Amino acid sequence: MNFTRQLKYKCQWYGCDLVVVDRFFPSSKTCSNCGHVQDMPLNVRTYDCPDCGLSIDRDLNASINLRDAVGSTVNACG
């Protein structure tokens, strides 16, 4: 069974919304503070923004960007 389809089913069952972010969304390459985008090899674990000076764990930075992307999608669509 397709994972996304099963996840949609479970969300409907529990009455919650599922928002799917494009797989090419640069969540770990975008500064969660200022929006600057930079290329990063996978072995680099800390995002250091040259524009605003933010230094943050790569995964935490990505999770903040995904949270913000989902928040703007839900607010835009109702």
C-alpha atoms as a PDB file:
ATOM      1  CA  MET A   1       0.000   0.000   0.000  1.00  0.00           C
ATOM      2  CA  ASN A   2       1.258   3.470  -0.878  1.00  0.00           C
ATOM      3  CA  PHE A   3       2.552   5.314   2.215  1.00  0.00           C
ATOM      4  CA  THR A   4       0.975   8.666   1.288  1.00  0.00           C
ATOM      5  CA  ARG A   5      -2.398   7.063   0.648  1.00  0.00           C
ATOM      6  CA  GLN A   6      -2.287   5.270   4.007  1.00  0.00           C
ATOM      7  CA  LEU A   7      -1.271   8.490   5.754  1.00  0.00           C
ATOM      8  CA  LYS A   8      -4.168  10.370   4.109  1.00  0.00           C
ATOM      9  CA  TYR A   9      -6.546   7.651   5.271  1.00  0.00           C
ATOM     10  CA  LYS A  10      -5.281   7.855   8.860  1.00  0.00           C
ATOM     11  CA  CYS A  11      -5.549  11.651   8.836  1.00  0.00           C
ATOM     12  CA  GLN A  12      -9.149  11.461   7.636  1.00  0.00           C
ATOM     13  CA  TRP A  13      -9.872   8.822  10.296  1.00  0.00           C
ATOM     14  CA  TYR A  14      -8.553  11.083  13.067  1.00  0.00           C
ATOM     15  CA  GLY A  15      -9.935  14.310  11.575  1.00  0.00           C
ATOM     16  CA  CYS A  16      -6.647  16.045  10.880  1.00  0.00           C
ATOM     17  CA  ASP A  17      -5.192  17.675   7.780  1.00  0.00           C
ATOM     18  CA  LEU A  18      -2.312  16.245   5.770  1.00  0.00           C
ATOM     19  CA  VAL A  19      -0.104  18.738   3.961  1.00  0.00           C
ATOM     20  CA  VAL A  20       2.433  17.289   1.530  1.00  0.00           C
ATOM     21  CA  VAL A  21       5.478  19.445   0.819  1.00  0.00           C
ATOM     22  CA  ASP A  22       7.196  19.077  -2.552  1.00  0.00           C
ATOM     23  CA  ARG A  23      10.078  16.603  -2.309  1.00  0.00           C
ATOM     24  CA  PHE A  24      12.452  19.183  -3.804  1.00  0.00           C
ATOM     25  CA  PHE A  25      11.599  21.874  -1.231  1.00  0.00           C
ATOM     26  CA  PRO A  26      15.047  22.989   0.044  1.00  0.00           C
ATOM     27  CA  SER A  27      14.178  22.673   3.744  1.00  0.00           C
ATOM     28  CA  SER A  28      17.727  22.057   4.962  1.00  0.00           C
ATOM     29  CA  LYS A  29      19.349  24.494   2.518  1.00  0.00           C
ATOM     30  CA  THR A  30      17.201  27.509   3.433  1.00  0.00           C
ATOM     31  CA  CYS A  31      17.921  29.731   6.432  1.00  0.00           C
ATOM     32  CA  SER A  32      14.941  29.531   8.780  1.00  0.00           C
ATOM     33  CA  ASN A  33      15.703  33.070   9.974  1.00  0.00           C
ATOM     34  CA  CYS A  34      16.185  35.112   6.783  1.00  0.00           C
ATOM     35  CA  GLY A  35      15.373  32.754   3.868  1.00  0.00           C
ATOM     36  CA  HIS A  36      18.847  32.683   2.310  1.00  0.00           C
ATOM     37  CA  VAL A  37      19.377  29.500   0.245  1.00  0.00           C
ATOM     38  CA  GLN A  38      22.780  27.839  -0.089  1.00  0.00           C
ATOM     39  CA  ASP A  39      24.056  24.470  -1.294  1.00  0.00           C
ATOM     40  CA  MET A  40      25.168  22.133   1.483  1.00  0.00           C
ATOM     41  CA  PRO A  41      26.792  18.717   1.207  1.00  0.00           C
ATOM     42  CA  LEU A  42      25.074  16.027   3.282  1.00  0.00           C
ATOM     43  CA  ASN A  43      28.049  15.627   5.618  1.00  0.00           C
ATOM     44  CA  VAL A  44      27.716  19.235   6.867  1.00  0.00           C
ATOM     45  CA  ARG A  45      25.520  19.008   9.979  1.00  0.00           C
ATOM     46  CA  THR A  46      25.323  22.708  10.920  1.00  0.00           C
ATOM     47  CA  TYR A  47      23.660  25.396   8.821  1.00  0.00           C
ATOM     48  CA  ASP A  48      25.723  28.596   8.979  1.00  0.00           C
ATOM     49  CA  CYS A  49      23.991  31.489   7.227  1.00  0.00           C
ATOM     50  CA  PRO A  50      26.355  33.974   5.579  1.00  0.00           C
ATOM     51  CA  ASP A  51      23.597  36.629   5.410  1.00  0.00           C
ATOM     52  CA  CYS A  52      22.212  36.834   8.964  1.00  0.00           C
ATOM     53  CA  GLY A  53      24.818  34.822  10.903  1.00  0.00           C
ATOM     54  CA  LEU A  54      22.433  32.127  12.168  1.00  0.00           C
ATOM     55  CA  SER A  55      24.183  28.906  13.195  1.00  0.00           C
ATOM     56  CA  ILE A  56      21.779  26.002  13.751  1.00  0.00           C
ATOM     57  CA  ASP A  57      21.659  22.209  13.489  1.00  0.00           C
ATOM     58  CA  ARG A  58      20.779  21.240   9.919  1.00  0.00           C
ATOM     59  CA  ASP A  59      17.845  19.005  10.943  1.00  0.00           C
ATOM     60  CA  LEU A  60      16.395  21.580  13.343  1.00  0.00           C
ATOM     61  CA  ASN A  61      16.658  24.227  10.624  1.00  0.00           C
ATOM     62  CA  ALA A  62      14.846  21.928   8.167  1.00  0.00           C
ATOM     63  CA  SER A  63      12.083  21.154  10.673  1.00  0.00           C
ATOM     64  CA  ILE A  64      11.487  24.872  11.291  1.00  0.00           C
ATOM     65  CA  ASN A  65      11.277  25.487   7.530  1.00  0.00           C
ATOM     66  CA  LEU A  66       8.825  22.605   7.083  1.00  0.00           C
ATOM     67  CA  ARG A  67       6.705  23.840   9.990  1.00  0.00           C
ATOM     68  CA  ASP A  68       6.592  27.316   8.460  1.00  0.00           C
ATOM     69  CA  ALA A  69       5.774  25.933   4.985  1.00  0.00           C
ATOM     70  CA  VAL A  70       2.895  23.908   6.409  1.00  0.00           C
ATOM     71  CA  GLY A  71       1.639  26.862   8.453  1.00  0.00           C
ATOM     72  CA  SER A  72       1.492  29.144   5.420  1.00  0.00           C
ATOM     73  CA  THR A  73      -0.261  26.437   3.368  1.00  0.00           C
ATOM     74  CA  VAL A  74      -2.929  25.785   5.988  1.00  0.00           C
ATOM     75  CA  ASN A  75      -3.520  29.503   6.533  1.00  0.00           C
ATOM     76  CA  ALA A  76      -3.782  30.141   2.787  1.00  0.00           C
ATOM     77  CA  CYS A  77      -6.265  27.338   2.153  1.00  0.00           C
ATOM     78  CA  GLY A  78      -8.383  27.675   5.252  1.00  0.00           C
END
